[in-house]
Protein backbone atom coordinates (compact mmCIF):
# COMPACT_ATOMS: atom_id res chain seq x y z
CA MET A 1 7.39 -8.23 -15.65
CA ASN A 2 4.29 -10.29 -16.32
CA GLU A 3 0.56 -10.14 -15.80
CA GLN A 4 -1.02 -12.97 -13.83
CA TYR A 5 -4.48 -14.00 -12.71
CA ILE A 6 -5.09 -16.06 -9.60
CA THR A 7 -8.33 -17.18 -7.95
CA VAL A 8 -8.98 -16.17 -4.35
CA ALA A 9 -12.21 -17.10 -2.55
CA GLY A 10 -13.81 -17.80 -5.93
CA ARG A 11 -12.84 -14.40 -7.34
CA LYS A 12 -10.38 -13.59 -10.12
CA VAL A 13 -7.47 -11.41 -8.95
CA ARG A 14 -5.14 -9.75 -11.41
CA LEU A 15 -1.59 -8.75 -10.60
CA ILE A 16 1.65 -7.70 -12.24
CA ALA A 17 4.80 -9.39 -10.98
CA GLY A 18 8.46 -8.75 -11.69
CA GLY A 19 11.93 -8.37 -10.27
CA SER A 20 13.72 -10.63 -7.84
CA GLY A 21 14.75 -10.65 -4.22
CA LYS A 22 12.60 -10.26 -1.13
CA PRO A 23 8.89 -9.68 -1.88
CA LEU A 24 7.17 -6.29 -1.86
CA VAL A 25 3.43 -5.79 -2.47
CA LEU A 26 1.95 -2.66 -4.07
CA LEU A 27 -1.75 -1.83 -3.89
CA HIS A 28 -3.46 1.00 -5.79
CA GLY A 29 -5.61 4.01 -5.03
CA TRP A 30 -9.34 4.16 -5.78
CA SER A 31 -8.95 5.75 -9.23
CA PHE A 32 -6.13 3.47 -10.37
CA ASN A 33 -4.97 -0.15 -10.79
CA ALA A 34 -1.74 -2.17 -10.81
CA GLU A 35 -0.65 -0.60 -14.12
CA THR A 36 -0.36 2.78 -12.42
CA TRP A 37 2.81 1.61 -10.65
CA VAL A 38 4.30 0.59 -14.01
CA GLU A 39 3.25 3.77 -15.83
CA CYS A 40 4.89 6.08 -13.29
CA GLY A 41 8.15 4.10 -13.24
CA VAL A 42 7.93 3.10 -9.57
CA PHE A 43 7.43 -0.61 -10.36
CA ASP A 44 10.63 -0.88 -12.43
CA ALA A 45 12.66 1.11 -9.91
CA LEU A 46 11.59 -1.20 -7.08
CA ALA A 47 11.94 -4.38 -9.19
CA ARG A 48 15.69 -3.73 -9.38
CA ARG A 49 15.87 -4.66 -5.71
CA TYR A 50 12.70 -6.61 -4.84
CA ALA A 51 10.29 -9.20 -6.21
CA VAL A 52 7.39 -6.81 -6.75
CA TYR A 53 3.72 -7.77 -6.84
CA ALA A 54 1.32 -5.00 -7.91
CA VAL A 55 -2.16 -6.29 -7.06
CA ASP A 56 -5.45 -5.10 -8.52
CA MET A 57 -7.66 -4.94 -5.46
CA PRO A 58 -11.42 -5.60 -5.84
CA TYR A 59 -12.28 -1.92 -5.58
CA GLY A 60 -11.67 1.18 -7.59
CA VAL A 61 -12.77 2.36 -10.99
CA ARG A 62 -9.99 0.75 -13.04
CA THR A 63 -9.41 -2.59 -11.32
CA LYS A 64 -9.25 -5.63 -13.59
CA SER A 65 -9.93 -8.03 -10.71
CA ASP A 66 -13.43 -9.23 -9.86
CA ARG A 67 -15.07 -6.44 -7.90
CA PHE A 68 -17.02 -6.56 -4.69
CA HIS A 69 -18.16 -3.92 -2.22
CA ALA A 70 -17.17 -4.27 1.41
CA PRO A 71 -15.91 -2.22 4.36
CA ARG A 72 -12.17 -1.53 4.33
CA LEU A 73 -11.75 -4.02 7.19
CA GLU A 74 -13.11 -6.79 4.95
CA TYR A 75 -10.81 -5.75 2.11
CA ALA A 76 -7.91 -6.06 4.56
CA ARG A 77 -8.93 -9.63 5.40
CA TYR A 78 -9.29 -10.36 1.69
CA LEU A 79 -5.75 -9.02 1.16
CA ARG A 80 -4.50 -11.69 3.57
CA HIS A 81 -6.15 -14.35 1.37
CA VAL A 82 -4.49 -12.86 -1.72
CA LEU A 83 -1.09 -12.96 0.00
CA ASP A 84 -1.69 -16.56 1.06
CA ALA A 85 -2.56 -17.51 -2.53
CA LEU A 86 0.73 -15.94 -3.66
CA GLY A 87 2.67 -17.75 -0.94
CA LEU A 88 3.74 -14.48 0.69
CA ALA A 89 3.95 -14.79 4.47
CA ASP A 90 4.61 -11.24 5.63
CA PRO A 91 5.79 -8.91 2.86
CA PRO A 92 5.98 -5.15 3.22
CA LEU A 93 2.78 -3.53 1.94
CA VAL A 94 2.49 -0.24 0.06
CA GLY A 95 -0.91 1.42 -0.18
CA PRO A 96 -1.97 4.89 -1.30
CA SER A 97 -5.24 6.59 -0.32
CA ALA A 98 -8.02 3.97 0.06
CA SER A 99 -5.43 1.19 -0.06
CA GLY A 100 -3.52 3.02 2.65
CA GLU A 101 -6.58 2.65 4.84
CA VAL A 102 -6.84 -1.04 3.87
CA VAL A 103 -3.18 -1.59 4.80
CA LEU A 104 -3.71 0.12 8.16
CA TRP A 105 -6.77 -2.07 8.87
CA TYR A 106 -4.64 -5.08 7.90
CA LEU A 107 -2.04 -4.09 10.51
CA ALA A 108 -4.73 -3.23 13.07
CA GLN A 109 -5.89 -6.86 12.92
CA ARG A 110 -2.33 -7.99 13.73
CA LEU A 111 -1.98 -9.62 10.33
CA PRO A 112 1.66 -10.20 9.38
CA ALA A 113 3.73 -7.69 7.42
CA LYS A 114 7.41 -6.80 7.76
CA ALA A 115 6.59 -3.13 7.17
CA ALA A 116 4.00 -0.81 5.63
CA VAL A 117 4.12 2.35 3.57
CA VAL A 118 0.93 4.38 3.24
CA VAL A 119 0.53 7.45 1.04
CA GLY A 120 -2.16 10.00 1.92
CA PRO A 121 -4.19 7.35 3.74
CA VAL A 122 -7.87 8.11 4.20
CA GLY A 123 -10.23 6.97 6.96
CA LEU A 124 -7.94 7.92 9.86
CA VAL A 125 -10.61 7.95 12.54
CA GLY A 126 -11.77 6.36 15.80
CA GLU A 127 -11.65 2.59 15.84
CA LEU A 128 -8.81 2.33 13.33
CA LEU A 129 -6.57 4.79 15.18
CA LYS A 130 -7.26 3.07 18.50
CA ALA A 131 -6.44 -0.34 17.02
CA LEU A 132 -3.18 0.98 15.54
CA GLU A 133 -1.89 2.15 18.94
CA GLU A 134 -0.58 -1.33 19.78
CA VAL A 135 0.74 -2.22 16.31
CA GLU A 136 4.49 -2.78 16.28
CA THR A 137 4.98 -3.16 12.52
CA PRO A 138 7.14 -0.29 11.19
CA ILE A 139 5.02 2.18 9.21
CA LEU A 140 6.10 4.99 6.90
CA ALA A 141 3.28 7.47 6.26
CA VAL A 142 3.90 9.76 3.29
CA TRP A 143 1.89 12.85 2.45
CA GLY A 144 1.96 15.22 -0.46
CA GLU A 145 2.35 18.80 0.71
CA LEU A 146 -0.64 19.83 -1.43
CA ASP A 147 -2.91 16.87 -0.60
CA GLU A 148 -6.49 18.14 -0.30
CA VAL A 149 -8.10 14.69 0.12
CA SER A 150 -6.08 13.59 3.15
CA PRO A 151 -4.32 16.77 4.25
CA PRO A 152 -0.80 16.60 5.68
CA SER A 153 -2.22 17.67 9.04
CA ASN A 154 -3.55 14.07 9.26
CA ALA A 155 0.03 13.01 9.97
CA GLN A 156 -0.53 14.20 13.55
CA VAL A 157 -3.09 11.47 14.27
CA LEU A 158 -0.84 8.68 13.01
CA ARG A 159 2.15 9.49 15.16
CA GLY A 160 3.38 6.66 17.33
CA ARG A 161 6.47 4.73 18.29
CA ASN A 162 6.36 2.66 15.11
CA VAL A 163 5.32 5.43 12.66
CA LYS A 164 7.65 7.64 10.63
CA THR A 165 6.14 10.42 8.56
CA ALA A 166 7.49 12.12 5.46
CA MET A 167 6.32 14.96 3.23
CA LEU A 168 6.80 15.25 -0.52
CA ARG A 169 7.00 18.95 -1.39
CA GLY A 170 4.92 20.12 -4.32
CA ALA A 171 2.98 16.84 -4.49
CA GLY A 172 -0.76 16.29 -4.19
CA HIS A 173 -2.84 13.37 -2.93
CA ALA A 174 -1.22 10.88 -5.32
CA ALA A 175 2.23 11.98 -4.13
CA TYR A 176 3.90 8.84 -5.51
CA LEU A 177 2.69 9.84 -9.00
CA ASP A 178 3.58 13.51 -8.66
CA LYS A 179 7.09 12.78 -7.32
CA PRO A 180 7.90 9.16 -8.21
CA LYS A 181 11.69 9.47 -7.95
CA GLU A 182 11.51 11.08 -4.51
CA PHE A 183 8.90 8.55 -3.41
CA VAL A 184 11.12 5.62 -4.43
CA GLU A 185 14.04 7.15 -2.54
CA LEU A 186 11.93 7.47 0.63
CA LEU A 187 10.57 3.95 0.29
CA LEU A 188 13.97 2.34 -0.34
CA GLU A 189 15.56 4.18 2.56
CA PHE A 190 12.75 3.12 4.89
CA LEU A 191 12.69 -0.51 3.75
CA GLY A 192 16.47 -0.67 3.95
CA SER A 193 16.25 0.22 7.64
CA VAL A 194 13.53 -2.29 8.57
CA TYR A 195 13.54 -5.12 5.99
């Protein structure tokens, strides 16, 4: 596992990379950064099977990348530039909370990804939901049973032919932190079926 800095559109982007195999990209929630995936053990568990890239996005209180403020749609386009700089054509994307919304906007623009996993995604309204109706990329949407930020009832609006939903019992909004082992099991099972 190693920390790297790359430059994308004139901005410094920090990431943690490790493992080997097919690529997998992890984004972070608003209150976290790439280290969060390492601290909870999810990074190492996934790096046993995949080449994992945990990217510090340009938002959030703990990011170590150059920050900028933009709508989630713009962050999604920026994510494509980050992936291009890493030489990653269409990796699966994992995004909790705000990054879940960014990943969904990424898919809504028909940008390439083999699959997507979102955890307690926020911003599930209007234009985004309409745009997702035609998306064919396989999506796993995970909620914590006790999520008060993006309640599990939000799973109803994301249902579609390409969307699977899962619930982590006893977990809150950051379900992947509350139940990391169970989250990894869900993610590996899903990716094993589509990637």
